[in-house]
PDB file of all heavy atoms in Angstrom:
ATOM      1  N   ASP A   1       4.919  15.873 -13.742  1.00  0.00           N
ATOM      2  CA  ASP A   1       4.971  15.189 -15.025  1.00  0.00           C
ATOM      3  C   ASP A   1       6.279  15.422 -15.774  1.00  0.00           C
ATOM      4  O   ASP A   1       6.634  14.663 -16.672  1.00  0.00           O
ATOM      5  CB  ASP A   1       3.779  15.575 -15.902  1.00  0.00           C
ATOM      6  CG  ASP A   1       3.761  17.049 -16.267  1.00  0.00           C
ATOM      7  OD1 ASP A   1       4.437  17.851 -15.584  1.00  0.00           O
ATOM      8  OD2 ASP A   1       3.064  17.402 -17.242  1.00  0.00           O
ATOM      9  N   TYR A   2       7.035  16.429 -15.393  1.00  0.00           N
ATOM     10  CA  TYR A   2       8.308  16.731 -16.037  1.00  0.00           C
ATOM     11  C   TYR A   2       9.478  15.891 -15.497  1.00  0.00           C
ATOM     12  O   TYR A   2      10.568  15.931 -16.056  1.00  0.00           O
ATOM     13  CB  TYR A   2       8.650  18.216 -15.869  1.00  0.00           C
ATOM     14  CG  TYR A   2       8.759  18.659 -14.421  1.00  0.00           C
ATOM     15  CD1 TYR A   2       9.970  18.562 -13.744  1.00  0.00           C
ATOM     16  CD2 TYR A   2       7.650  19.156 -13.750  1.00  0.00           C
ATOM     17  CE1 TYR A   2      10.074  18.947 -12.412  1.00  0.00           C
ATOM     18  CE2 TYR A   2       7.748  19.544 -12.431  1.00  0.00           C
ATOM     19  CZ  TYR A   2       8.958  19.449 -11.763  1.00  0.00           C
ATOM     20  OH  TYR A   2       9.049  19.829 -10.459  1.00  0.00           O
ATOM     21  N   ASP A   3       9.252  15.134 -14.422  1.00  0.00           N
ATOM     22  CA  ASP A   3      10.327  14.357 -13.789  1.00  0.00           C
ATOM     23  C   ASP A   3       9.895  12.895 -13.618  1.00  0.00           C
ATOM     24  O   ASP A   3       9.338  12.520 -12.589  1.00  0.00           O
ATOM     25  CB  ASP A   3      10.665  14.983 -12.444  1.00  0.00           C
ATOM     26  CG  ASP A   3      11.919  14.409 -11.815  1.00  0.00           C
ATOM     27  OD1 ASP A   3      12.452  13.412 -12.335  1.00  0.00           O
ATOM     28  OD2 ASP A   3      12.363  14.966 -10.787  1.00  0.00           O
ATOM     29  N   PRO A   4      10.155  12.062 -14.628  1.00  0.00           N
ATOM     30  CA  PRO A   4       9.721  10.660 -14.568  1.00  0.00           C
ATOM     31  C   PRO A   4      10.303   9.878 -13.387  1.00  0.00           C
ATOM     32  O   PRO A   4       9.637   8.999 -12.845  1.00  0.00           O
ATOM     33  CB  PRO A   4      10.206  10.067 -15.889  1.00  0.00           C
ATOM     34  CG  PRO A   4      10.395  11.229 -16.797  1.00  0.00           C
ATOM     35  CD  PRO A   4      10.768  12.382 -15.917  1.00  0.00           C
ATOM     36  N   ALA A   5      11.525  10.209 -12.982  1.00  0.00           N
ATOM     37  CA  ALA A   5      12.131   9.498 -11.849  1.00  0.00           C
ATOM     38  C   ALA A   5      11.367   9.812 -10.555  1.00  0.00           C
ATOM     39  O   ALA A   5      11.114   8.916  -9.741  1.00  0.00           O
ATOM     40  CB  ALA A   5      13.602   9.883 -11.704  1.00  0.00           C
ATOM     41  N   PHE A   6      10.984  11.078 -10.393  1.00  0.00           N
ATOM     42  CA  PHE A   6      10.229  11.443  -9.191  1.00  0.00           C
ATOM     43  C   PHE A   6       8.816  10.869  -9.250  1.00  0.00           C
ATOM     44  O   PHE A   6       8.262  10.482  -8.225  1.00  0.00           O
ATOM     45  CB  PHE A   6      10.205  12.957  -9.010  1.00  0.00           C
ATOM     46  CG  PHE A   6       9.759  13.386  -7.647  1.00  0.00           C
ATOM     47  CD1 PHE A   6      10.499  13.043  -6.518  1.00  0.00           C
ATOM     48  CD2 PHE A   6       8.594  14.108  -7.478  1.00  0.00           C
ATOM     49  CE1 PHE A   6      10.082  13.415  -5.251  1.00  0.00           C
ATOM     50  CE2 PHE A   6       8.180  14.490  -6.218  1.00  0.00           C
ATOM     51  CZ  PHE A   6       8.923  14.148  -5.103  1.00  0.00           C
ATOM     52  N   GLN A   7       8.241  10.811 -10.432  1.00  0.00           N
ATOM     53  CA  GLN A   7       6.933  10.172 -10.584  1.00  0.00           C
ATOM     54  C   GLN A   7       6.995   8.711 -10.147  1.00  0.00           C
ATOM     55  O   GLN A   7       6.089   8.231  -9.475  1.00  0.00           O
ATOM     56  CB  GLN A   7       6.450  10.237 -12.036  1.00  0.00           C
ATOM     57  CG  GLN A   7       5.840  11.539 -12.431  1.00  0.00           C
ATOM     58  CD  GLN A   7       5.314  11.482 -13.854  1.00  0.00           C
ATOM     59  OE1 GLN A   7       5.915  10.861 -14.738  1.00  0.00           O
ATOM     60  NE2 GLN A   7       4.198  12.141 -14.073  1.00  0.00           N
ATOM     61  N   SER A   8       8.056   8.032 -10.508  1.00  0.00           N
ATOM     62  CA  SER A   8       8.227   6.641 -10.085  1.00  0.00           C
ATOM     63  C   SER A   8       8.329   6.544  -8.573  1.00  0.00           C
ATOM     64  O   SER A   8       7.798   5.613  -7.964  1.00  0.00           O
ATOM     65  CB  SER A   8       9.475   6.035 -10.732  1.00  0.00           C
ATOM     66  OG  SER A   8       9.314   5.967 -12.120  1.00  0.00           O
ATOM     67  N   SER A   9       9.001   7.505  -7.959  1.00  0.00           N
ATOM     68  CA  SER A   9       9.090   7.534  -6.493  1.00  0.00           C
ATOM     69  C   SER A   9       7.726   7.764  -5.860  1.00  0.00           C
ATOM     70  O   SER A   9       7.394   7.153  -4.844  1.00  0.00           O
ATOM     71  CB  SER A   9      10.053   8.634  -6.043  1.00  0.00           C
ATOM     72  OG  SER A   9      11.339   8.401  -6.534  1.00  0.00           O
ATOM     73  N   ILE A  10       6.942   8.641  -6.453  1.00  0.00           N
ATOM     74  CA  ILE A  10       5.593   8.901  -5.948  1.00  0.00           C
ATOM     75  C   ILE A  10       4.729   7.648  -6.080  1.00  0.00           C
ATOM     76  O   ILE A  10       3.979   7.298  -5.160  1.00  0.00           O
ATOM     77  CB  ILE A  10       4.944  10.094  -6.686  1.00  0.00           C
ATOM     78  CG1 ILE A  10       5.676  11.382  -6.334  1.00  0.00           C
ATOM     79  CG2 ILE A  10       3.456  10.201  -6.356  1.00  0.00           C
ATOM     80  CD1 ILE A  10       5.270  12.568  -7.185  1.00  0.00           C
ATOM     81  N   ILE A  11       4.837   6.961  -7.193  1.00  0.00           N
ATOM     82  CA  ILE A  11       4.080   5.727  -7.397  1.00  0.00           C
ATOM     83  C   ILE A  11       4.485   4.685  -6.368  1.00  0.00           C
ATOM     84  O   ILE A  11       3.625   4.017  -5.779  1.00  0.00           O
ATOM     85  CB  ILE A  11       4.269   5.206  -8.840  1.00  0.00           C
ATOM     86  CG1 ILE A  11       3.604   6.157  -9.829  1.00  0.00           C
ATOM     87  CG2 ILE A  11       3.719   3.797  -8.989  1.00  0.00           C
ATOM     88  CD1 ILE A  11       3.958   5.891 -11.283  1.00  0.00           C
ATOM     89  N   ALA A  12       5.785   4.548  -6.128  1.00  0.00           N
ATOM     90  CA  ALA A  12       6.263   3.576  -5.139  1.00  0.00           C
ATOM     91  C   ALA A  12       5.767   3.939  -3.736  1.00  0.00           C
ATOM     92  O   ALA A  12       5.312   3.067  -2.982  1.00  0.00           O
ATOM     93  CB  ALA A  12       7.790   3.510  -5.163  1.00  0.00           C
ATOM     94  N   ALA A  13       5.823   5.218  -3.388  1.00  0.00           N
ATOM     95  CA  ALA A  13       5.359   5.654  -2.062  1.00  0.00           C
ATOM     96  C   ALA A  13       3.856   5.444  -1.912  1.00  0.00           C
ATOM     97  O   ALA A  13       3.379   5.008  -0.850  1.00  0.00           O
ATOM     98  CB  ALA A  13       5.709   7.126  -1.840  1.00  0.00           C
ATOM     99  N   THR A  14       3.101   5.721  -2.956  1.00  0.00           N
ATOM    100  CA  THR A  14       1.658   5.514  -2.916  1.00  0.00           C
ATOM    101  C   THR A  14       1.338   4.027  -2.795  1.00  0.00           C
ATOM    102  O   THR A  14       0.425   3.637  -2.059  1.00  0.00           O
ATOM    103  CB  THR A  14       0.993   6.102  -4.179  1.00  0.00           C
ATOM    104  OG1 THR A  14       1.338   7.489  -4.280  1.00  0.00           O
ATOM    105  CG2 THR A  14      -0.511   5.965  -4.137  1.00  0.00           C
ATOM    106  N   THR A  15       2.104   3.199  -3.476  1.00  0.00           N
ATOM    107  CA  THR A  15       1.925   1.753  -3.395  1.00  0.00           C
ATOM    108  C   THR A  15       2.164   1.247  -1.978  1.00  0.00           C
ATOM    109  O   THR A  15       1.361   0.478  -1.431  1.00  0.00           O
ATOM    110  CB  THR A  15       2.884   1.045  -4.374  1.00  0.00           C
ATOM    111  OG1 THR A  15       2.577   1.475  -5.696  1.00  0.00           O
ATOM    112  CG2 THR A  15       2.764  -0.458  -4.283  1.00  0.00           C
ATOM    113  N   VAL A  16       3.243   1.692  -1.373  1.00  0.00           N
ATOM    114  CA  VAL A  16       3.561   1.279  -0.004  1.00  0.00           C
ATOM    115  C   VAL A  16       2.491   1.785   0.967  1.00  0.00           C
ATOM    116  O   VAL A  16       2.061   1.056   1.866  1.00  0.00           O
ATOM    117  CB  VAL A  16       4.963   1.773   0.402  1.00  0.00           C
ATOM    118  CG1 VAL A  16       5.212   1.586   1.887  1.00  0.00           C
ATOM    119  CG2 VAL A  16       6.026   1.059  -0.405  1.00  0.00           C
ATOM    120  N   ALA A  17       2.043   3.022   0.779  1.00  0.00           N
ATOM    121  CA  ALA A  17       1.020   3.587   1.657  1.00  0.00           C
ATOM    122  C   ALA A  17      -0.301   2.825   1.527  1.00  0.00           C
ATOM    123  O   ALA A  17      -0.968   2.546   2.530  1.00  0.00           O
ATOM    124  CB  ALA A  17       0.815   5.064   1.337  1.00  0.00           C
ATOM    125  N   TYR A  18      -0.691   2.459   0.299  1.00  0.00           N
ATOM    126  CA  TYR A  18      -1.918   1.694   0.078  1.00  0.00           C
ATOM    127  C   TYR A  18      -1.833   0.329   0.754  1.00  0.00           C
ATOM    128  O   TYR A  18      -2.758  -0.103   1.434  1.00  0.00           O
ATOM    129  CB  TYR A  18      -2.171   1.535  -1.425  1.00  0.00           C
ATOM    130  CG  TYR A  18      -3.275   0.556  -1.752  1.00  0.00           C
ATOM    131  CD1 TYR A  18      -4.606   0.924  -1.622  1.00  0.00           C
ATOM    132  CD2 TYR A  18      -2.982  -0.735  -2.192  1.00  0.00           C
ATOM    133  CE1 TYR A  18      -5.624   0.027  -1.916  1.00  0.00           C
ATOM    134  CE2 TYR A  18      -3.990  -1.631  -2.487  1.00  0.00           C
ATOM    135  CZ  TYR A  18      -5.306  -1.246  -2.352  1.00  0.00           C
ATOM    136  OH  TYR A  18      -6.305  -2.144  -2.634  1.00  0.00           O
ATOM    137  N   PHE A  19      -0.709  -0.347   0.560  1.00  0.00           N
ATOM    138  CA  PHE A  19      -0.505  -1.659   1.167  1.00  0.00           C
ATOM    139  C   PHE A  19      -0.559  -1.551   2.697  1.00  0.00           C
ATOM    140  O   PHE A  19      -1.235  -2.341   3.360  1.00  0.00           O
ATOM    141  CB  PHE A  19       0.828  -2.236   0.707  1.00  0.00           C
ATOM    142  CG  PHE A  19       1.160  -3.559   1.327  1.00  0.00           C
ATOM    143  CD1 PHE A  19       0.522  -4.711   0.907  1.00  0.00           C
ATOM    144  CD2 PHE A  19       2.101  -3.652   2.332  1.00  0.00           C
ATOM    145  CE1 PHE A  19       0.818  -5.945   1.476  1.00  0.00           C
ATOM    146  CE2 PHE A  19       2.413  -4.878   2.911  1.00  0.00           C
ATOM    147  CZ  PHE A  19       1.761  -6.024   2.482  1.00  0.00           C
ATOM    148  N   THR A  20       0.128  -0.567   3.248  1.00  0.00           N
ATOM    149  CA  THR A  20       0.150  -0.371   4.707  1.00  0.00           C
ATOM    150  C   THR A  20      -1.243  -0.044   5.226  1.00  0.00           C
ATOM    151  O   THR A  20      -1.654  -0.569   6.260  1.00  0.00           O
ATOM    152  CB  THR A  20       1.142   0.756   5.065  1.00  0.00           C
ATOM    153  OG1 THR A  20       2.425   0.419   4.535  1.00  0.00           O
ATOM    154  CG2 THR A  20       1.241   0.939   6.560  1.00  0.00           C
ATOM    155  N   TRP A  21      -1.975   0.815   4.515  1.00  0.00           N
ATOM    156  CA  TRP A  21      -3.334   1.144   4.928  1.00  0.00           C
ATOM    157  C   TRP A  21      -4.197  -0.117   4.979  1.00  0.00           C
ATOM    158  O   TRP A  21      -4.957  -0.312   5.926  1.00  0.00           O
ATOM    159  CB  TRP A  21      -3.973   2.152   3.970  1.00  0.00           C
ATOM    160  CG  TRP A  21      -5.390   2.429   4.334  1.00  0.00           C
ATOM    161  CD1 TRP A  21      -5.853   3.366   5.209  1.00  0.00           C
ATOM    162  CD2 TRP A  21      -6.552   1.714   3.875  1.00  0.00           C
ATOM    163  NE1 TRP A  21      -7.226   3.270   5.306  1.00  0.00           N
ATOM    164  CE2 TRP A  21      -7.667   2.274   4.508  1.00  0.00           C
ATOM    165  CE3 TRP A  21      -6.733   0.656   2.992  1.00  0.00           C
ATOM    166  CZ2 TRP A  21      -8.964   1.819   4.275  1.00  0.00           C
ATOM    167  CZ3 TRP A  21      -8.022   0.201   2.764  1.00  0.00           C
ATOM    168  CH2 TRP A  21      -9.122   0.779   3.399  1.00  0.00           C
ATOM    169  N   GLY A  22      -4.074  -0.967   3.979  1.00  0.00           N
ATOM    170  CA  GLY A  22      -4.879  -2.187   3.942  1.00  0.00           C
ATOM    171  C   GLY A  22      -4.588  -3.104   5.110  1.00  0.00           C
ATOM    172  O   GLY A  22      -5.498  -3.664   5.729  1.00  0.00           O
ATOM    173  N   ILE A  23      -3.314  -3.256   5.449  1.00  0.00           N
ATOM    174  CA  ILE A  23      -2.934  -4.122   6.569  1.00  0.00           C
ATOM    175  C   ILE A  23      -3.479  -3.549   7.881  1.00  0.00           C
ATOM    176  O   ILE A  23      -4.082  -4.273   8.686  1.00  0.00           O
ATOM    177  CB  ILE A  23      -1.395  -4.263   6.642  1.00  0.00           C
ATOM    178  CG1 ILE A  23      -0.842  -4.854   5.350  1.00  0.00           C
ATOM    179  CG2 ILE A  23      -0.975  -5.075   7.854  1.00  0.00           C
ATOM    180  CD1 ILE A  23      -1.428  -6.178   4.954  1.00  0.00           C
ATOM    181  N   ILE A  24      -3.295  -2.254   8.078  1.00  0.00           N
ATOM    182  CA  ILE A  24      -3.786  -1.620   9.313  1.00  0.00           C
ATOM    183  C   ILE A  24      -5.305  -1.711   9.389  1.00  0.00           C
ATOM    184  O   ILE A  24      -5.872  -2.018  10.444  1.00  0.00           O
ATOM    185  CB  ILE A  24      -3.311  -0.155   9.390  1.00  0.00           C
ATOM    186  CG1 ILE A  24      -1.801  -0.122   9.595  1.00  0.00           C
ATOM    187  CG2 ILE A  24      -4.027   0.597  10.506  1.00  0.00           C
ATOM    188  CD1 ILE A  24      -1.182   1.254   9.431  1.00  0.00           C
ATOM    189  N   HIS A  25      -5.978  -1.438   8.283  1.00  0.00           N
ATOM    190  CA  HIS A  25      -7.447  -1.477   8.255  1.00  0.00           C
ATOM    191  C   HIS A  25      -7.971  -2.853   8.658  1.00  0.00           C
ATOM    192  O   HIS A  25      -8.877  -2.964   9.485  1.00  0.00           O
ATOM    193  CB  HIS A  25      -7.937  -1.110   6.859  1.00  0.00           C
ATOM    194  CG  HIS A  25      -9.405  -1.235   6.669  1.00  0.00           C
ATOM    195  ND1 HIS A  25     -10.302  -0.331   7.194  1.00  0.00           N
ATOM    196  CD2 HIS A  25     -10.157  -2.166   6.031  1.00  0.00           C
ATOM    197  CE1 HIS A  25     -11.529  -0.706   6.883  1.00  0.00           C
ATOM    198  NE2 HIS A  25     -11.466  -1.821   6.168  1.00  0.00           N
ATOM    199  N   HIS A  26      -7.403  -3.891   8.092  1.00  0.00           N
ATOM    200  CA  HIS A  26      -7.884  -5.238   8.406  1.00  0.00           C
ATOM    201  C   HIS A  26      -7.449  -5.699   9.789  1.00  0.00           C
ATOM    202  O   HIS A  26      -8.138  -6.498  10.424  1.00  0.00           O
ATOM    203  CB  HIS A  26      -7.456  -6.223   7.316  1.00  0.00           C
ATOM    204  CG  HIS A  26      -8.267  -6.063   6.075  1.00  0.00           C
ATOM    205  ND1 HIS A  26      -9.529  -6.588   5.935  1.00  0.00           N
ATOM    206  CD2 HIS A  26      -8.013  -5.396   4.922  1.00  0.00           C
ATOM    207  CE1 HIS A  26     -10.008  -6.267   4.751  1.00  0.00           C
ATOM    208  NE2 HIS A  26      -9.100  -5.535   4.120  1.00  0.00           N
ATOM    209  N   LYS A  27      -6.327  -5.202  10.262  1.00  0.00           N
ATOM    210  CA  LYS A  27      -5.903  -5.515  11.633  1.00  0.00           C
ATOM    211  C   LYS A  27      -6.887  -4.907  12.629  1.00  0.00           C
ATOM    212  O   LYS A  27      -7.264  -5.553  13.612  1.00  0.00           O
ATOM    213  CB  LYS A  27      -4.478  -4.981  11.865  1.00  0.00           C
ATOM    214  CG  LYS A  27      -3.920  -5.253  13.221  1.00  0.00           C
ATOM    215  CD  LYS A  27      -3.528  -6.697  13.351  1.00  0.00           C
ATOM    216  CE  LYS A  27      -2.778  -6.897  14.668  1.00  0.00           C
ATOM    217  NZ  LYS A  27      -2.668  -8.295  15.007  1.00  0.00           N
ATOM    218  N   ILE A  28      -7.324  -3.689  12.380  1.00  0.00           N
ATOM    219  CA  ILE A  28      -8.312  -3.031  13.249  1.00  0.00           C
ATOM    220  C   ILE A  28      -9.612  -3.816  13.272  1.00  0.00           C
ATOM    221  O   ILE A  28     -10.250  -3.956  14.308  1.00  0.00           O
ATOM    222  CB  ILE A  28      -8.557  -1.577  12.788  1.00  0.00           C
ATOM    223  CG1 ILE A  28      -7.323  -0.718  13.088  1.00  0.00           C
ATOM    224  CG2 ILE A  28      -9.797  -0.985  13.459  1.00  0.00           C
ATOM    225  CD1 ILE A  28      -7.374   0.657  12.465  1.00  0.00           C
ATOM    226  N   HIS A  29     -10.007  -4.350  12.122  1.00  0.00           N
ATOM    227  CA  HIS A  29     -11.268  -5.089  12.017  1.00  0.00           C
ATOM    228  C   HIS A  29     -11.119  -6.571  12.351  1.00  0.00           C
ATOM    229  O   HIS A  29     -12.079  -7.336  12.201  1.00  0.00           O
ATOM    230  CB  HIS A  29     -11.864  -4.920  10.616  1.00  0.00           C
ATOM    231  CG  HIS A  29     -12.401  -3.550  10.393  1.00  0.00           C
ATOM    232  ND1 HIS A  29     -13.592  -3.120  10.917  1.00  0.00           N
ATOM    233  CD2 HIS A  29     -11.891  -2.492   9.717  1.00  0.00           C
ATOM    234  CE1 HIS A  29     -13.805  -1.877  10.574  1.00  0.00           C
ATOM    235  NE2 HIS A  29     -12.781  -1.468   9.845  1.00  0.00           N
ATOM    236  N   HIS A  30      -9.947  -6.972  12.783  1.00  0.00           N
ATOM    237  CA  HIS A  30      -9.685  -8.342  13.241  1.00  0.00           C
ATOM    238  C   HIS A  30      -9.965  -9.399  12.171  1.00  0.00           C
ATOM    239  O   HIS A  30     -10.426 -10.492  12.471  1.00  0.00           O
ATOM    240  CB  HIS A  30     -10.478  -8.666  14.509  1.00  0.00           C
ATOM    241  CG  HIS A  30     -10.263  -7.681  15.608  1.00  0.00           C
ATOM    242  ND1 HIS A  30      -9.077  -7.586  16.299  1.00  0.00           N
ATOM    243  CD2 HIS A  30     -11.075  -6.728  16.130  1.00  0.00           C
ATOM    244  CE1 HIS A  30      -9.170  -6.624  17.203  1.00  0.00           C
ATOM    245  NE2 HIS A  30     -10.365  -6.085  17.112  1.00  0.00           N
ATOM    246  N   ASP A  31      -9.700  -9.056  10.914  1.00  0.00           N
ATOM    247  CA  ASP A  31      -9.873 -10.054   9.862  1.00  0.00           C
ATOM    248  C   ASP A  31      -8.650 -10.136   8.951  1.00  0.00           C
ATOM    249  O   ASP A  31      -8.743 -10.524   7.790  1.00  0.00           O
ATOM    250  CB  ASP A  31     -11.148  -9.794   9.050  1.00  0.00           C
ATOM    251  CG  ASP A  31     -11.153  -8.445   8.350  1.00  0.00           C
ATOM    252  OD1 ASP A  31     -10.241  -7.642   8.597  1.00  0.00           O
ATOM    253  OD2 ASP A  31     -12.076  -8.208   7.560  1.00  0.00           O
ATOM    254  N   LEU A  32      -7.486  -9.789   9.512  1.00  0.00           N
ATOM    255  CA  LEU A  32      -6.250  -9.844   8.746  1.00  0.00           C
ATOM    256  C   LEU A  32      -5.755 -11.281   8.665  1.00  0.00           C
ATOM    257  O   LEU A  32      -5.701 -11.985   9.665  1.00  0.00           O
ATOM    258  CB  LEU A  32      -5.179  -8.962   9.415  1.00  0.00           C
ATOM    259  CG  LEU A  32      -3.843  -8.883   8.708  1.00  0.00           C
ATOM    260  CD1 LEU A  32      -4.016  -8.255   7.324  1.00  0.00           C
ATOM    261  CD2 LEU A  32      -2.860  -8.084   9.534  1.00  0.00           C
ATOM    262  N   GLY A  33      -5.441 -11.691   7.466  1.00  0.00           N
ATOM    263  CA  GLY A  33      -4.919 -13.038   7.246  1.00  0.00           C
ATOM    264  C   GLY A  33      -3.956 -13.022   6.078  1.00  0.00           C
ATOM    265  O   GLY A  33      -3.780 -12.003   5.393  1.00  0.00           O
ATOM    266  N   VAL A  34      -3.351 -14.141   5.827  1.00  0.00           N
ATOM    267  CA  VAL A  34      -2.363 -14.247   4.755  1.00  0.00           C
ATOM    268  C   VAL A  34      -2.997 -13.943   3.400  1.00  0.00           C
ATOM    269  O   VAL A  34      -2.395 -13.257   2.566  1.00  0.00           O
ATOM    270  CB  VAL A  34      -1.712 -15.649   4.760  1.00  0.00           C
ATOM    271  CG1 VAL A  34      -0.792 -15.817   3.561  1.00  0.00           C
ATOM    272  CG2 VAL A  34      -0.958 -15.880   6.049  1.00  0.00           C
ATOM    273  N   ARG A  35      -4.202 -14.416   3.181  1.00  0.00           N
ATOM    274  CA  ARG A  35      -4.874 -14.169   1.897  1.00  0.00           C
ATOM    275  C   ARG A  35      -5.099 -12.677   1.663  1.00  0.00           C
ATOM    276  O   ARG A  35      -4.929 -12.179   0.546  1.00  0.00           O
ATOM    277  CB  ARG A  35      -6.200 -14.913   1.829  1.00  0.00           C
ATOM    278  CG  ARG A  35      -6.001 -16.430   1.753  1.00  0.00           C
ATOM    279  CD  ARG A  35      -7.301 -17.147   1.636  1.00  0.00           C
ATOM    280  NE  ARG A  35      -7.810 -16.917   0.271  1.00  0.00           N
ATOM    281  CZ  ARG A  35      -9.000 -17.274  -0.151  1.00  0.00           C
ATOM    282  NH1 ARG A  35      -9.829 -17.896   0.684  1.00  0.00           N
ATOM    283  NH2 ARG A  35      -9.386 -17.063  -1.378  1.00  0.00           N
ATOM    284  N   ILE A  36      -5.483 -11.957   2.706  1.00  0.00           N
ATOM    285  CA  ILE A  36      -5.715 -10.519   2.571  1.00  0.00           C
ATOM    286  C   ILE A  36      -4.393  -9.791   2.321  1.00  0.00           C
ATOM    287  O   ILE A  36      -4.313  -8.894   1.484  1.00  0.00           O
ATOM    288  CB  ILE A  36      -6.454  -9.971   3.803  1.00  0.00           C
ATOM    289  CG1 ILE A  36      -7.888 -10.487   3.794  1.00  0.00           C
ATOM    290  CG2 ILE A  36      -6.415  -8.441   3.846  1.00  0.00           C
ATOM    291  CD1 ILE A  36      -8.727 -10.115   4.972  1.00  0.00           C
ATOM    292  N   ILE A  37      -3.355 -10.190   3.028  1.00  0.00           N
ATOM    293  CA  ILE A  37      -2.042  -9.576   2.821  1.00  0.00           C
ATOM    294  C   ILE A  37      -1.581  -9.793   1.383  1.00  0.00           C
ATOM    295  O   ILE A  37      -1.124  -8.861   0.714  1.00  0.00           O
ATOM    296  CB  ILE A  37      -1.013 -10.136   3.822  1.00  0.00           C
ATOM    297  CG1 ILE A  37      -1.367  -9.691   5.245  1.00  0.00           C
ATOM    298  CG2 ILE A  37       0.405  -9.693   3.451  1.00  0.00           C
ATOM    299  CD1 ILE A  37      -0.551 -10.368   6.327  1.00  0.00           C
ATOM    300  N   LEU A  38      -1.727 -11.021   0.880  1.00  0.00           N
ATOM    301  CA  LEU A  38      -1.322 -11.315  -0.492  1.00  0.00           C
ATOM    302  C   LEU A  38      -2.182 -10.562  -1.506  1.00  0.00           C
ATOM    303  O   LEU A  38      -1.686 -10.134  -2.554  1.00  0.00           O
ATOM    304  CB  LEU A  38      -1.377 -12.819  -0.748  1.00  0.00           C
ATOM    305  CG  LEU A  38      -0.346 -13.650   0.014  1.00  0.00           C
ATOM    306  CD1 LEU A  38      -0.570 -15.138  -0.246  1.00  0.00           C
ATOM    307  CD2 LEU A  38       1.065 -13.237  -0.355  1.00  0.00           C
ATOM    308  N   GLU A  39      -3.457 -10.393  -1.190  1.00  0.00           N
ATOM    309  CA  GLU A  39      -4.334  -9.641  -2.083  1.00  0.00           C
ATOM    310  C   GLU A  39      -3.891  -8.187  -2.175  1.00  0.00           C
ATOM    311  O   GLU A  39      -3.772  -7.629  -3.275  1.00  0.00           O
ATOM    312  CB  GLU A  39      -5.776  -9.718  -1.593  1.00  0.00           C
ATOM    313  CG  GLU A  39      -6.749  -8.941  -2.447  1.00  0.00           C
ATOM    314  CD  GLU A  39      -8.162  -9.011  -1.909  1.00  0.00           C
ATOM    315  OE1 GLU A  39      -8.484  -9.897  -1.102  1.00  0.00           O
ATOM    316  OE2 GLU A  39      -8.959  -8.145  -2.316  1.00  0.00           O
TER     317      GLU A  39
END
């Protein structure tokens, strides 16, 4: 909490990880599509 720049980096990394997890999860379940990616 004392380093706002690093907090922003953590938020960006968490965002990328969440997005990547979603793509991998739906790819495994064979229901990945453009709508899911955009969501």
